[in-house]
Amino acid sequence: MIEINTLGGNSTFKYDFTGGELYLLFGTLNKRVFVNSSIIEKPKQRVMELSDDLRLSASNYNRNKWSSCPNDRICPYVAKLIIDEILK
């Protein structure tokens, strides 16, 4: 797995692609979390909607500020991968 900084840069998370599928490892989890490709599309749209100064705030990728967020835990990490152009 590859380790990178989170959106805020105060911590890190890990990701990898196995068989073309995205997996994440974050927080205190000791297991990889599969990210369904249908979830990836929503954060892609959200990144494009936000201004540059708001894109790097993890809170913009959860239900408090984004009512159609498909997954509060996964979306900030997926957004970071999109912003860093790891996910296209």
C-alpha atoms as a PDB file:
ATOM      1  CA  MET A   1       0.000   0.000   0.000  1.00  0.00           C
ATOM      2  CA  ILE A   2       1.090   3.571  -0.697  1.00  0.00           C
ATOM      3  CA  GLU A   3       0.961   6.100   2.155  1.00  0.00           C
ATOM      4  CA  ILE A   4       0.042   9.754   1.528  1.00  0.00           C
ATOM      5  CA  ASN A   5      -1.122  12.772   3.552  1.00  0.00           C
ATOM      6  CA  THR A   6      -4.799  13.432   4.126  1.00  0.00           C
ATOM      7  CA  LEU A   7      -6.485  16.570   2.786  1.00  0.00           C
ATOM      8  CA  GLY A   8      -5.526  18.607   5.854  1.00  0.00           C
ATOM      9  CA  GLY A   9      -2.020  17.151   5.906  1.00  0.00           C
ATOM     10  CA  ASN A  10      -2.143  16.364   9.632  1.00  0.00           C
ATOM     11  CA  SER A  11      -2.269  12.604   9.190  1.00  0.00           C
ATOM     12  CA  THR A  12      -1.820   9.944   6.548  1.00  0.00           C
ATOM     13  CA  PHE A  13      -3.742   7.119   4.949  1.00  0.00           C
ATOM     14  CA  LYS A  14      -2.850   4.280   2.618  1.00  0.00           C
ATOM     15  CA  TYR A  15      -4.301   3.164  -0.676  1.00  0.00           C
ATOM     16  CA  ASP A  16      -3.670   0.583  -3.344  1.00  0.00           C
ATOM     17  CA  PHE A  17      -5.212  -0.835  -6.457  1.00  0.00           C
ATOM     18  CA  THR A  18      -5.673  -4.591  -6.540  1.00  0.00           C
ATOM     19  CA  GLY A  19      -7.116  -6.033  -9.715  1.00  0.00           C
ATOM     20  CA  GLY A  20      -8.039  -2.510 -10.795  1.00  0.00           C
ATOM     21  CA  GLU A  21     -10.091  -1.953  -7.621  1.00  0.00           C
ATOM     22  CA  LEU A  22      -9.350   0.778  -5.058  1.00  0.00           C
ATOM     23  CA  TYR A  23      -8.687  -0.147  -1.429  1.00  0.00           C
ATOM     24  CA  LEU A  24      -8.072   2.225   1.494  1.00  0.00           C
ATOM     25  CA  LEU A  25      -6.533   1.836   4.931  1.00  0.00           C
ATOM     26  CA  PHE A  26      -7.120   4.759   7.317  1.00  0.00           C
ATOM     27  CA  GLY A  27      -7.582   5.670  10.958  1.00  0.00           C
ATOM     28  CA  THR A  28      -7.288   2.807  13.400  1.00  0.00           C
ATOM     29  CA  LEU A  29      -8.601   0.229  10.949  1.00  0.00           C
ATOM     30  CA  ASN A  30      -6.413  -2.807  10.517  1.00  0.00           C
ATOM     31  CA  LYS A  31      -8.144  -3.970   7.368  1.00  0.00           C
ATOM     32  CA  ARG A  32      -8.384  -2.692   3.835  1.00  0.00           C
ATOM     33  CA  VAL A  33     -11.676  -1.094   2.807  1.00  0.00           C
ATOM     34  CA  PHE A  34     -12.933  -1.699  -0.735  1.00  0.00           C
ATOM     35  CA  VAL A  35     -14.167   1.429  -2.533  1.00  0.00           C
ATOM     36  CA  ASN A  36     -16.941   0.715  -4.996  1.00  0.00           C
ATOM     37  CA  SER A  37     -16.461   2.501  -8.315  1.00  0.00           C
ATOM     38  CA  SER A  38     -19.949   4.018  -8.021  1.00  0.00           C
ATOM     39  CA  ILE A  39     -18.832   5.889  -4.874  1.00  0.00           C
ATOM     40  CA  ILE A  40     -15.818   7.391  -6.696  1.00  0.00           C
ATOM     41  CA  GLU A  41     -17.957   9.369  -9.152  1.00  0.00           C
ATOM     42  CA  LYS A  42     -19.706  11.470  -6.499  1.00  0.00           C
ATOM     43  CA  PRO A  43     -16.490  12.904  -4.952  1.00  0.00           C
ATOM     44  CA  LYS A  44     -15.207  13.589  -8.489  1.00  0.00           C
ATOM     45  CA  GLN A  45     -18.259  15.760  -9.103  1.00  0.00           C
ATOM     46  CA  ARG A  46     -17.918  17.395  -5.691  1.00  0.00           C
ATOM     47  CA  VAL A  47     -14.249  18.314  -6.289  1.00  0.00           C
ATOM     48  CA  MET A  48     -15.242  20.034  -9.531  1.00  0.00           C
ATOM     49  CA  GLU A  49     -18.069  21.969  -7.808  1.00  0.00           C
ATOM     50  CA  LEU A  50     -15.861  23.425  -5.074  1.00  0.00           C
ATOM     51  CA  SER A  51     -13.578  26.421  -5.438  1.00  0.00           C
ATOM     52  CA  ASP A  52      -9.844  25.794  -5.105  1.00  0.00           C
ATOM     53  CA  ASP A  53      -9.737  27.102  -1.537  1.00  0.00           C
ATOM     54  CA  LEU A  54     -12.546  24.754  -0.399  1.00  0.00           C
ATOM     55  CA  ARG A  55     -11.326  21.571  -2.101  1.00  0.00           C
ATOM     56  CA  LEU A  56      -8.708  20.823   0.553  1.00  0.00           C
ATOM     57  CA  SER A  57     -11.131  20.826   3.488  1.00  0.00           C
ATOM     58  CA  ALA A  58     -12.219  17.305   4.443  1.00  0.00           C
ATOM     59  CA  SER A  59     -15.433  18.647   5.978  1.00  0.00           C
ATOM     60  CA  ASN A  60     -16.671  19.507   2.482  1.00  0.00           C
ATOM     61  CA  TYR A  61     -16.818  15.779   1.708  1.00  0.00           C
ATOM     62  CA  ASN A  62     -19.259  14.653   4.396  1.00  0.00           C
ATOM     63  CA  ARG A  63     -22.996  14.937   4.981  1.00  0.00           C
ATOM     64  CA  ASN A  64     -22.750  18.035   7.202  1.00  0.00           C
ATOM     65  CA  LYS A  65     -21.862  20.209   4.180  1.00  0.00           C
ATOM     66  CA  TRP A  66     -22.758  17.855   1.317  1.00  0.00           C
ATOM     67  CA  SER A  67     -26.187  16.253   1.643  1.00  0.00           C
ATOM     68  CA  SER A  68     -25.704  13.739  -1.185  1.00  0.00           C
ATOM     69  CA  CYS A  69     -22.422  12.355   0.216  1.00  0.00           C
ATOM     70  CA  PRO A  70     -22.486   8.585  -0.381  1.00  0.00           C
ATOM     71  CA  ASN A  71     -20.060   7.714   2.472  1.00  0.00           C
ATOM     72  CA  ASP A  72     -18.745  10.095   5.152  1.00  0.00           C
ATOM     73  CA  ARG A  73     -15.736   7.961   6.015  1.00  0.00           C
ATOM     74  CA  ILE A  74     -14.482   7.192   2.505  1.00  0.00           C
ATOM     75  CA  CYS A  75     -15.228  10.349   0.492  1.00  0.00           C
ATOM     76  CA  PRO A  76     -12.529  12.626   1.997  1.00  0.00           C
ATOM     77  CA  TYR A  77      -9.871  10.041   1.098  1.00  0.00           C
ATOM     78  CA  VAL A  78     -11.252   9.530  -2.399  1.00  0.00           C
ATOM     79  CA  ALA A  79     -11.332  13.316  -2.871  1.00  0.00           C
ATOM     80  CA  LYS A  80      -7.644  13.524  -1.910  1.00  0.00           C
ATOM     81  CA  LEU A  81      -6.771  10.877  -4.512  1.00  0.00           C
ATOM     82  CA  ILE A  82      -8.745  12.828  -7.136  1.00  0.00           C
ATOM     83  CA  ILE A  83      -7.135  16.149  -6.238  1.00  0.00           C
ATOM     84  CA  ASP A  84      -3.671  14.564  -6.380  1.00  0.00           C
ATOM     85  CA  GLU A  85      -4.635  13.085  -9.768  1.00  0.00           C
ATOM     86  CA  ILE A  86      -4.063   9.530  -8.585  1.00  0.00           C
ATOM     87  CA  LEU A  87      -7.681   8.815  -9.535  1.00  0.00           C
ATOM     88  CA  LYS A  88      -8.816  10.175 -12.892  1.00  0.00           C
END
